[in-house]
């Protein structure tokens, strides 16, 4: 109950009391900036400014960023973390810290957090494509037919649970001392928006480090070589993991490739049906 009331008050203050550390207005502001770039410099000239499923994706953005935590996730995760901590205490384990970086300079901690978290998320993203039941969940994100910035946060609520659960232990073992990883979160949010946007973003040599709209579009391609059927270009913010492990694939920079997956014409179109689809499909 404390989690529900606490998160409700937090969300209310996010909306009513704007500040530099305000996720609500950063999400809104970044979205408007990237949408403006899409309108002014569209890569796919024939794509509408308010593209197919734009408003559905806009709802997904705010649902996954805020509302899902209010409905369920924040309370469930707080209880789960406390239960896990109490379970470890039965064996005399008071914390999970194995490598303590808390005494390092703040910028080193932020960089370490960013790199470790992005690598963990890259591996989780690969699992979402490889494990059959996870792929059924991940299909929500790949049901995008026209790429745009708002598609960044169009994903099934279960992905919140999968990512946060699998991230928890490795990040807890590093022992970050910083209370504020706000900068990391906003930076990854901005890159994610750009990667899904209808813009062409030449990065030069930086393409081997950072993801881009040209590279990420192929991650959503319907047609891939047989040896790449489990997916390509899994990078969330960084592309370098794909280059390091040989999972990069950009045969040409074509903004008009067909997106989706096999039998996507049978996939539900509404939020509620997508919300429940992976559970009732069979």
C-alpha atoms as a PDB file:
ATOM      1  CA  UNK A   1       0.000   0.000   0.000  1.00  0.00           C
ATOM      2  CA  UNK A   2       2.918   2.281   0.754  1.00  0.00           C
ATOM      3  CA  UNK A   3       4.258   1.646  -2.745  1.00  0.00           C
ATOM      4  CA  UNK A   4       0.935   2.539  -4.369  1.00  0.00           C
ATOM      5  CA  UNK A   5       0.410   5.747  -2.419  1.00  0.00           C
ATOM      6  CA  UNK A   6       4.096   6.689  -2.706  1.00  0.00           C
ATOM      7  CA  UNK A   7       4.155   6.266  -6.484  1.00  0.00           C
ATOM      8  CA  UNK A   8       0.832   8.085  -6.891  1.00  0.00           C
ATOM      9  CA  UNK A   9       2.223  11.073  -4.977  1.00  0.00           C
ATOM     10  CA  UNK A  10       5.456  10.898  -7.008  1.00  0.00           C
ATOM     11  CA  UNK A  11       3.532  10.915 -10.294  1.00  0.00           C
ATOM     12  CA  UNK A  12       1.323  13.771  -9.123  1.00  0.00           C
ATOM     13  CA  UNK A  13       4.396  15.824  -8.200  1.00  0.00           C
ATOM     14  CA  UNK A  14       6.026  14.990 -11.563  1.00  0.00           C
ATOM     15  CA  UNK A  15       3.100  16.629 -13.343  1.00  0.00           C
ATOM     16  CA  UNK A  16       2.351  19.493 -10.949  1.00  0.00           C
ATOM     17  CA  UNK A  17       5.892  20.433  -9.866  1.00  0.00           C
ATOM     18  CA  UNK A  18       8.204  20.636 -12.906  1.00  0.00           C
ATOM     19  CA  UNK A  19      11.943  20.458 -12.171  1.00  0.00           C
ATOM     20  CA  UNK A  20      15.209  19.571 -13.907  1.00  0.00           C
ATOM     21  CA  UNK A  21      14.917  15.989 -12.637  1.00  0.00           C
ATOM     22  CA  UNK A  22      11.355  15.619 -13.876  1.00  0.00           C
ATOM     23  CA  UNK A  23      10.990  12.509 -16.048  1.00  0.00           C
ATOM     24  CA  UNK A  24       7.467  13.416 -17.203  1.00  0.00           C
ATOM     25  CA  UNK A  25       8.454  16.690 -18.843  1.00  0.00           C
ATOM     26  CA  UNK A  26      11.759  15.323 -20.149  1.00  0.00           C
ATOM     27  CA  UNK A  27       9.788  12.560 -21.914  1.00  0.00           C
ATOM     28  CA  UNK A  28       7.332  15.115 -23.271  1.00  0.00           C
ATOM     29  CA  UNK A  29      10.071  17.566 -24.302  1.00  0.00           C
ATOM     30  CA  UNK A  30      12.309  14.986 -25.985  1.00  0.00           C
ATOM     31  CA  UNK A  31       9.302  13.561 -27.813  1.00  0.00           C
ATOM     32  CA  UNK A  32       8.350  16.983 -29.192  1.00  0.00           C
ATOM     33  CA  UNK A  33      11.941  17.720 -30.255  1.00  0.00           C
ATOM     34  CA  UNK A  34      12.390  14.403 -32.097  1.00  0.00           C
ATOM     35  CA  UNK A  35       8.912  14.631 -33.646  1.00  0.00           C
ATOM     36  CA  UNK A  36       9.851  18.110 -34.937  1.00  0.00           C
ATOM     37  CA  UNK A  37      13.003  16.626 -36.491  1.00  0.00           C
ATOM     38  CA  UNK A  38      10.859  13.950 -38.146  1.00  0.00           C
ATOM     39  CA  UNK A  39       8.580  16.622 -39.617  1.00  0.00           C
ATOM     40  CA  UNK A  40      11.409  18.883 -40.787  1.00  0.00           C
ATOM     41  CA  UNK A  41      13.860  16.236 -42.032  1.00  0.00           C
ATOM     42  CA  UNK A  42      11.912  13.044 -42.832  1.00  0.00           C
ATOM     43  CA  UNK A  43      13.926  10.083 -44.113  1.00  0.00           C
ATOM     44  CA  UNK A  44      10.826   8.455 -45.595  1.00  0.00           C
ATOM     45  CA  UNK A  45       9.250  11.364 -47.488  1.00  0.00           C
ATOM     46  CA  UNK A  46       5.992   9.524 -48.130  1.00  0.00           C
ATOM     47  CA  UNK A  47       5.342   8.764 -44.442  1.00  0.00           C
ATOM     48  CA  UNK A  48       2.625  10.862 -42.814  1.00  0.00           C
ATOM     49  CA  UNK A  49       3.606  13.285 -40.046  1.00  0.00           C
ATOM     50  CA  UNK A  50       0.998  11.576 -37.867  1.00  0.00           C
ATOM     51  CA  UNK A  51       1.864   8.074 -39.050  1.00  0.00           C
ATOM     52  CA  UNK A  52      -0.032   4.830 -38.744  1.00  0.00           C
ATOM     53  CA  UNK A  53      -0.570   3.906 -35.041  1.00  0.00           C
ATOM     54  CA  UNK A  54       0.985   7.180 -33.844  1.00  0.00           C
ATOM     55  CA  UNK A  55      -1.565   7.707 -31.066  1.00  0.00           C
ATOM     56  CA  UNK A  56      -1.392   4.062 -29.986  1.00  0.00           C
ATOM     57  CA  UNK A  57       2.387   4.411 -29.620  1.00  0.00           C
ATOM     58  CA  UNK A  58       2.005   7.721 -27.784  1.00  0.00           C
ATOM     59  CA  UNK A  59      -0.247   5.980 -25.248  1.00  0.00           C
ATOM     60  CA  UNK A  60       2.281   3.147 -24.911  1.00  0.00           C
ATOM     61  CA  UNK A  61       4.973   5.746 -24.127  1.00  0.00           C
ATOM     62  CA  UNK A  62       3.186   7.128 -21.107  1.00  0.00           C
ATOM     63  CA  UNK A  63       1.744   3.786 -20.051  1.00  0.00           C
ATOM     64  CA  UNK A  64       5.130   2.035 -19.952  1.00  0.00           C
ATOM     65  CA  UNK A  65       7.007   5.022 -18.549  1.00  0.00           C
ATOM     66  CA  UNK A  66       4.509   5.890 -15.796  1.00  0.00           C
ATOM     67  CA  UNK A  67       1.090   4.243 -15.663  1.00  0.00           C
ATOM     68  CA  UNK A  68       2.190   0.597 -15.471  1.00  0.00           C
ATOM     69  CA  UNK A  69       4.218   1.391 -12.346  1.00  0.00           C
ATOM     70  CA  UNK A  70       1.136   3.004 -10.830  1.00  0.00           C
ATOM     71  CA  UNK A  71      -1.154   0.113 -11.771  1.00  0.00           C
ATOM     72  CA  UNK A  72       1.083  -2.720 -10.617  1.00  0.00           C
ATOM     73  CA  UNK A  73       4.818  -2.748 -11.206  1.00  0.00           C
ATOM     74  CA  UNK A  74       6.133  -0.387  -8.528  1.00  0.00           C
ATOM     75  CA  UNK A  75       4.291  -2.151  -5.695  1.00  0.00           C
ATOM     76  CA  UNK A  76       5.094  -5.655  -6.958  1.00  0.00           C
ATOM     77  CA  UNK A  77       8.788  -4.886  -7.485  1.00  0.00           C
ATOM     78  CA  UNK A  78       9.184  -3.217  -4.088  1.00  0.00           C
ATOM     79  CA  UNK A  79       7.622  -6.211  -2.355  1.00  0.00           C
ATOM     80  CA  UNK A  80       9.716  -8.633  -4.439  1.00  0.00           C
ATOM     81  CA  UNK A  81      12.975  -6.811  -3.663  1.00  0.00           C
ATOM     82  CA  UNK A  82      12.154  -6.711   0.043  1.00  0.00           C
ATOM     83  CA  UNK A  83      11.250 -10.423   0.024  1.00  0.00           C
ATOM     84  CA  UNK A  84      14.484 -11.274  -1.803  1.00  0.00           C
ATOM     85  CA  UNK A  85      16.502  -9.190   0.663  1.00  0.00           C
ATOM     86  CA  UNK A  86      14.825 -10.925   3.605  1.00  0.00           C
ATOM     87  CA  UNK A  87      15.502 -14.320   2.009  1.00  0.00           C
ATOM     88  CA  UNK A  88      19.217 -13.536   1.670  1.00  0.00           C
ATOM     89  CA  UNK A  89      19.279 -12.362   5.287  1.00  0.00           C
ATOM     90  CA  UNK A  90      18.262 -15.880   6.385  1.00  0.00           C
ATOM     91  CA  UNK A  91      21.697 -16.989   5.148  1.00  0.00           C
ATOM     92  CA  UNK A  92      23.552 -14.049   6.636  1.00  0.00           C
ATOM     93  CA  UNK A  93      23.845 -12.167   3.325  1.00  0.00           C
ATOM     94  CA  UNK A  94      23.165  -8.513   4.031  1.00  0.00           C
ATOM     95  CA  UNK A  95      23.923  -7.145   0.560  1.00  0.00           C
ATOM     96  CA  UNK A  96      24.894  -8.342  -2.907  1.00  0.00           C
ATOM     97  CA  UNK A  97      27.799  -5.960  -3.473  1.00  0.00           C
ATOM     98  CA  UNK A  98      30.746  -7.856  -4.926  1.00  0.00           C
ATOM     99  CA  UNK A  99      32.564  -4.987  -6.645  1.00  0.00           C
ATOM    100  CA  UNK A 100      32.142  -1.680  -4.873  1.00  0.00           C
ATOM    101  CA  UNK A 101      32.604   1.294  -7.189  1.00  0.00           C
ATOM    102  CA  UNK A 102      30.925   3.747  -4.816  1.00  0.00           C
ATOM    103  CA  UNK A 103      34.210   5.446  -3.949  1.00  0.00           C
ATOM    104  CA  UNK A 104      35.093   6.209  -7.556  1.00  0.00           C
ATOM    105  CA  UNK A 105      34.408   9.653  -9.053  1.00  0.00           C
ATOM    106  CA  UNK A 106      30.790  10.261 -10.002  1.00  0.00           C
ATOM    107  CA  UNK A 107      31.458  10.377 -13.754  1.00  0.00           C
ATOM    108  CA  UNK A 108      33.241   7.007 -13.591  1.00  0.00           C
ATOM    109  CA  UNK A 109      30.261   5.502 -11.766  1.00  0.00           C
ATOM    110  CA  UNK A 110      27.857   6.950 -14.356  1.00  0.00           C
ATOM    111  CA  UNK A 111      29.947   5.622 -17.243  1.00  0.00           C
ATOM    112  CA  UNK A 112      30.257   2.197 -15.589  1.00  0.00           C
ATOM    113  CA  UNK A 113      26.516   2.082 -14.909  1.00  0.00           C
ATOM    114  CA  UNK A 114      25.769   3.059 -18.497  1.00  0.00           C
ATOM    115  CA  UNK A 115      28.093   0.464 -20.063  1.00  0.00           C
ATOM    116  CA  UNK A 116      27.162  -2.417 -17.756  1.00  0.00           C
ATOM    117  CA  UNK A 117      23.434  -1.719 -17.988  1.00  0.00           C
ATOM    118  CA  UNK A 118      23.524  -1.394 -21.774  1.00  0.00           C
ATOM    119  CA  UNK A 119      25.433  -4.701 -22.132  1.00  0.00           C
ATOM    120  CA  UNK A 120      22.946  -6.463 -19.842  1.00  0.00           C
ATOM    121  CA  UNK A 121      20.034  -5.025 -21.832  1.00  0.00           C
ATOM    122  CA  UNK A 122      21.673  -6.113 -25.115  1.00  0.00           C
ATOM    123  CA  UNK A 123      21.804  -9.694 -23.832  1.00  0.00           C
ATOM    124  CA  UNK A 124      18.208  -9.534 -22.555  1.00  0.00           C
ATOM    125  CA  UNK A 125      17.130  -8.220 -25.949  1.00  0.00           C
ATOM    126  CA  UNK A 126      18.735 -11.260 -27.580  1.00  0.00           C
ATOM    127  CA  UNK A 127      16.809 -13.517 -25.193  1.00  0.00           C
ATOM    128  CA  UNK A 128      13.561 -11.825 -26.196  1.00  0.00           C
ATOM    129  CA  UNK A 129      14.183 -12.977 -29.755  1.00  0.00           C
ATOM    130  CA  UNK A 130      15.485 -16.449 -28.901  1.00  0.00           C
ATOM    131  CA  UNK A 131      13.182 -17.760 -26.157  1.00  0.00           C
ATOM    132  CA  UNK A 132       9.772 -18.605 -27.703  1.00  0.00           C
ATOM    133  CA  UNK A 133       7.527 -17.258 -24.912  1.00  0.00           C
ATOM    134  CA  UNK A 134       9.635 -14.097 -24.634  1.00  0.00           C
ATOM    135  CA  UNK A 135       9.350 -13.571 -28.382  1.00  0.00           C
ATOM    136  CA  UNK A 136       5.551 -13.734 -28.103  1.00  0.00           C
ATOM    137  CA  UNK A 137       5.806 -10.889 -25.582  1.00  0.00           C
ATOM    138  CA  UNK A 138       8.327  -8.953 -27.682  1.00  0.00           C
ATOM    139  CA  UNK A 139       6.117  -9.138 -30.775  1.00  0.00           C
ATOM    140  CA  UNK A 140       4.230  -6.082 -29.519  1.00  0.00           C
ATOM    141  CA  UNK A 141       7.306  -3.959 -30.228  1.00  0.00           C
ATOM    142  CA  UNK A 142       7.868  -5.592 -33.615  1.00  0.00           C
ATOM    143  CA  UNK A 143       4.253  -5.062 -34.687  1.00  0.00           C
ATOM    144  CA  UNK A 144       5.226  -1.507 -35.673  1.00  0.00           C
ATOM    145  CA  UNK A 145       4.447  -1.068 -39.384  1.00  0.00           C
ATOM    146  CA  UNK A 146       5.823   2.465 -39.794  1.00  0.00           C
ATOM    147  CA  UNK A 147       8.806   3.506 -37.712  1.00  0.00           C
ATOM    148  CA  UNK A 148       8.587   6.683 -35.667  1.00  0.00           C
ATOM    149  CA  UNK A 149      10.010   8.035 -32.402  1.00  0.00           C
ATOM    150  CA  UNK A 150       6.976   6.980 -30.321  1.00  0.00           C
ATOM    151  CA  UNK A 151       7.562   3.345 -31.278  1.00  0.00           C
ATOM    152  CA  UNK A 152      10.552   3.378 -28.927  1.00  0.00           C
ATOM    153  CA  UNK A 153       8.352   2.705 -25.893  1.00  0.00           C
ATOM    154  CA  UNK A 154       5.759   0.526 -27.602  1.00  0.00           C
ATOM    155  CA  UNK A 155       6.358  -2.748 -25.812  1.00  0.00           C
ATOM    156  CA  UNK A 156       4.459  -5.310 -23.761  1.00  0.00           C
ATOM    157  CA  UNK A 157       4.165  -4.664 -20.020  1.00  0.00           C
ATOM    158  CA  UNK A 158       5.888  -7.998 -19.378  1.00  0.00           C
ATOM    159  CA  UNK A 159       9.100  -6.581 -20.850  1.00  0.00           C
ATOM    160  CA  UNK A 160       9.276  -4.216 -17.875  1.00  0.00           C
ATOM    161  CA  UNK A 161       9.252  -7.251 -15.598  1.00  0.00           C
ATOM    162  CA  UNK A 162      11.805  -9.212 -17.663  1.00  0.00           C
ATOM    163  CA  UNK A 163      14.302  -6.366 -18.025  1.00  0.00           C
ATOM    164  CA  UNK A 164      14.119  -5.113 -14.444  1.00  0.00           C
ATOM    165  CA  UNK A 165      14.276  -8.626 -12.962  1.00  0.00           C
ATOM    166  CA  UNK A 166      17.304  -9.720 -14.986  1.00  0.00           C
ATOM    167  CA  UNK A 167      19.068  -6.384 -14.448  1.00  0.00           C
ATOM    168  CA  UNK A 168      18.589  -6.330 -10.693  1.00  0.00           C
ATOM    169  CA  UNK A 169      21.227  -8.755  -9.395  1.00  0.00           C
ATOM    170  CA  UNK A 170      24.169  -7.809 -11.683  1.00  0.00           C
ATOM    171  CA  UNK A 171      23.640  -4.085 -11.083  1.00  0.00           C
ATOM    172  CA  UNK A 172      23.171  -4.621  -7.335  1.00  0.00           C
ATOM    173  CA  UNK A 173      26.485  -6.524  -7.206  1.00  0.00           C
ATOM    174  CA  UNK A 174      28.443  -3.484  -8.423  1.00  0.00           C
ATOM    175  CA  UNK A 175      27.443  -1.266  -5.512  1.00  0.00           C
ATOM    176  CA  UNK A 176      26.936   2.116  -7.125  1.00  0.00           C
ATOM    177  CA  UNK A 177      27.162   4.984  -4.654  1.00  0.00           C
ATOM    178  CA  UNK A 178      25.361   7.509  -6.831  1.00  0.00           C
ATOM    179  CA  UNK A 179      21.770   8.276  -6.013  1.00  0.00           C
ATOM    180  CA  UNK A 180      21.152  10.059  -9.285  1.00  0.00           C
ATOM    181  CA  UNK A 181      21.485   8.114 -12.543  1.00  0.00           C
ATOM    182  CA  UNK A 182      19.044  10.565 -14.098  1.00  0.00           C
ATOM    183  CA  UNK A 183      21.595  11.595 -16.748  1.00  0.00           C
ATOM    184  CA  UNK A 184      22.048   7.996 -17.920  1.00  0.00           C
ATOM    185  CA  UNK A 185      18.304   7.431 -18.122  1.00  0.00           C
ATOM    186  CA  UNK A 186      17.599  10.612 -20.107  1.00  0.00           C
ATOM    187  CA  UNK A 187      20.558   9.996 -22.449  1.00  0.00           C
ATOM    188  CA  UNK A 188      19.364   6.474 -23.279  1.00  0.00           C
ATOM    189  CA  UNK A 189      15.795   7.774 -23.689  1.00  0.00           C
ATOM    190  CA  UNK A 190      16.986  10.367 -26.227  1.00  0.00           C
ATOM    191  CA  UNK A 191      19.051   7.833 -28.205  1.00  0.00           C
ATOM    192  CA  UNK A 192      16.127   5.373 -28.199  1.00  0.00           C
ATOM    193  CA  UNK A 193      13.773   8.035 -29.563  1.00  0.00           C
ATOM    194  CA  UNK A 194      16.250   8.936 -32.319  1.00  0.00           C
ATOM    195  CA  UNK A 195      16.842   5.284 -33.251  1.00  0.00           C
ATOM    196  CA  UNK A 196      13.134   4.801 -33.921  1.00  0.00           C
ATOM    197  CA  UNK A 197      12.568   8.173 -35.572  1.00  0.00           C
ATOM    198  CA  UNK A 198      11.851   8.811 -39.242  1.00  0.00           C
ATOM    199  CA  UNK A 199      15.158  10.619 -39.750  1.00  0.00           C
ATOM    200  CA  UNK A 200      18.473   9.822 -41.382  1.00  0.00           C
ATOM    201  CA  UNK A 201      21.300  10.247 -38.884  1.00  0.00           C
ATOM    202  CA  UNK A 202      24.805   9.850 -40.362  1.00  0.00           C
ATOM    203  CA  UNK A 203      27.252   9.093 -37.562  1.00  0.00           C
ATOM    204  CA  UNK A 204      30.445   8.400 -39.506  1.00  0.00           C
ATOM    205  CA  UNK A 205      32.894   6.330 -37.425  1.00  0.00           C
ATOM    206  CA  UNK A 206      30.586   6.712 -34.393  1.00  0.00           C
ATOM    207  CA  UNK A 207      28.227   4.184 -35.992  1.00  0.00           C
ATOM    208  CA  UNK A 208      30.509   1.486 -34.562  1.00  0.00           C
ATOM    209  CA  UNK A 209      29.725   2.783 -31.056  1.00  0.00           C
ATOM    210  CA  UNK A 210      26.192   4.207 -31.106  1.00  0.00           C
ATOM    211  CA  UNK A 211      22.995   2.817 -32.558  1.00  0.00           C
ATOM    212  CA  UNK A 212      21.269   4.767 -35.338  1.00  0.00           C
ATOM    213  CA  UNK A 213      17.921   4.872 -37.201  1.00  0.00           C
ATOM    214  CA  UNK A 214      19.576   3.245 -40.231  1.00  0.00           C
ATOM    215  CA  UNK A 215      20.878   0.334 -38.158  1.00  0.00           C
ATOM    216  CA  UNK A 216      17.845  -0.139 -35.942  1.00  0.00           C
ATOM    217  CA  UNK A 217      15.447  -0.177 -38.878  1.00  0.00           C
ATOM    218  CA  UNK A 218      16.999  -3.492 -39.962  1.00  0.00           C
ATOM    219  CA  UNK A 219      16.319  -4.896 -36.498  1.00  0.00           C
ATOM    220  CA  UNK A 220      12.622  -4.469 -37.345  1.00  0.00           C
ATOM    221  CA  UNK A 221      12.910  -5.835 -40.892  1.00  0.00           C
ATOM    222  CA  UNK A 222      10.471  -8.586 -41.835  1.00  0.00           C
ATOM    223  CA  UNK A 223      12.907 -10.272 -44.237  1.00  0.00           C
ATOM    224  CA  UNK A 224      16.279 -11.392 -42.891  1.00  0.00           C
ATOM    225  CA  UNK A 225      18.775 -14.023 -44.122  1.00  0.00           C
ATOM    226  CA  UNK A 226      18.099 -17.568 -42.875  1.00  0.00           C
ATOM    227  CA  UNK A 227      21.217 -17.518 -40.704  1.00  0.00           C
ATOM    228  CA  UNK A 228      19.941 -14.337 -39.012  1.00  0.00           C
ATOM    229  CA  UNK A 229      16.362 -15.454 -38.351  1.00  0.00           C
ATOM    230  CA  UNK A 230      16.725 -14.841 -34.588  1.00  0.00           C
ATOM    231  CA  UNK A 231      17.421 -11.186 -35.254  1.00  0.00           C
ATOM    232  CA  UNK A 232      20.172  -8.637 -35.825  1.00  0.00           C
ATOM    233  CA  UNK A 233      21.284  -5.286 -34.411  1.00  0.00           C
ATOM    234  CA  UNK A 234      20.193  -5.872 -30.818  1.00  0.00           C
ATOM    235  CA  UNK A 235      21.889  -2.725 -29.501  1.00  0.00           C
ATOM    236  CA  UNK A 236      19.736  -0.577 -27.223  1.00  0.00           C
ATOM    237  CA  UNK A 237      21.895   2.550 -27.100  1.00  0.00           C
ATOM    238  CA  UNK A 238      25.270   1.171 -28.181  1.00  0.00           C
ATOM    239  CA  UNK A 239      25.880  -0.636 -31.463  1.00  0.00           C
ATOM    240  CA  UNK A 240      29.362  -1.780 -30.487  1.00  0.00           C
ATOM    241  CA  UNK A 241      28.138  -5.011 -28.864  1.00  0.00           C
ATOM    242  CA  UNK A 242      26.673  -6.098 -32.215  1.00  0.00           C
ATOM    243  CA  UNK A 243      29.938  -5.305 -34.013  1.00  0.00           C
ATOM    244  CA  UNK A 244      32.017  -7.032 -31.340  1.00  0.00           C
ATOM    245  CA  UNK A 245      29.916 -10.212 -31.388  1.00  0.00           C
ATOM    246  CA  UNK A 246      29.183 -10.249 -35.126  1.00  0.00           C
ATOM    247  CA  UNK A 247      25.434  -9.548 -34.946  1.00  0.00           C
ATOM    248  CA  UNK A 248      25.491  -6.325 -36.966  1.00  0.00           C
ATOM    249  CA  UNK A 249      23.583  -6.257 -40.247  1.00  0.00           C
ATOM    250  CA  UNK A 250      23.015  -3.219 -42.479  1.00  0.00           C
ATOM    251  CA  UNK A 251      23.188  -4.469 -46.095  1.00  0.00           C
ATOM    252  CA  UNK A 252      21.959  -1.084 -47.383  1.00  0.00           C
ATOM    253  CA  UNK A 253      20.619   2.143 -45.946  1.00  0.00           C
ATOM    254  CA  UNK A 254      17.057   1.831 -47.216  1.00  0.00           C
ATOM    255  CA  UNK A 255      14.344   3.597 -45.262  1.00  0.00           C
ATOM    256  CA  UNK A 256      11.517   1.802 -47.041  1.00  0.00           C
ATOM    257  CA  UNK A 257      12.111  -1.841 -46.118  1.00  0.00           C
ATOM    258  CA  UNK A 258       9.072  -3.789 -44.931  1.00  0.00           C
ATOM    259  CA  UNK A 259       8.824  -4.082 -41.148  1.00  0.00           C
ATOM    260  CA  UNK A 260       7.274  -6.744 -38.944  1.00  0.00           C
ATOM    261  CA  UNK A 261       7.235 -10.534 -38.760  1.00  0.00           C
ATOM    262  CA  UNK A 262       5.519 -13.526 -40.357  1.00  0.00           C
ATOM    263  CA  UNK A 263       1.702 -13.487 -40.115  1.00  0.00           C
ATOM    264  CA  UNK A 264       1.673  -9.954 -38.736  1.00  0.00           C
ATOM    265  CA  UNK A 265      -1.595  -9.315 -40.576  1.00  0.00           C
ATOM    266  CA  UNK A 266      -3.229 -11.581 -37.973  1.00  0.00           C
ATOM    267  CA  UNK A 267      -1.719  -9.696 -35.019  1.00  0.00           C
ATOM    268  CA  UNK A 268      -4.171  -7.593 -32.954  1.00  0.00           C
ATOM    269  CA  UNK A 269      -4.160  -3.839 -33.492  1.00  0.00           C
ATOM    270  CA  UNK A 270      -5.657  -2.465 -30.268  1.00  0.00           C
ATOM    271  CA  UNK A 271      -3.793  -1.791 -27.023  1.00  0.00           C
ATOM    272  CA  UNK A 272      -5.911  -4.093 -24.865  1.00  0.00           C
ATOM    273  CA  UNK A 273      -5.685  -7.053 -27.243  1.00  0.00           C
ATOM    274  CA  UNK A 274      -1.932  -6.586 -27.576  1.00  0.00           C
ATOM    275  CA  UNK A 275      -1.747  -6.214 -23.796  1.00  0.00           C
ATOM    276  CA  UNK A 276      -3.205  -9.698 -23.304  1.00  0.00           C
ATOM    277  CA  UNK A 277      -2.386 -11.410 -26.606  1.00  0.00           C
ATOM    278  CA  UNK A 278       0.694 -13.455 -25.667  1.00  0.00           C
ATOM    279  CA  UNK A 279      -1.304 -15.124 -22.862  1.00  0.00           C
ATOM    280  CA  UNK A 280      -4.489 -16.086 -24.699  1.00  0.00           C
ATOM    281  CA  UNK A 281      -3.074 -16.689 -28.203  1.00  0.00           C
ATOM    282  CA  UNK A 282      -2.914 -20.500 -27.971  1.00  0.00           C
END
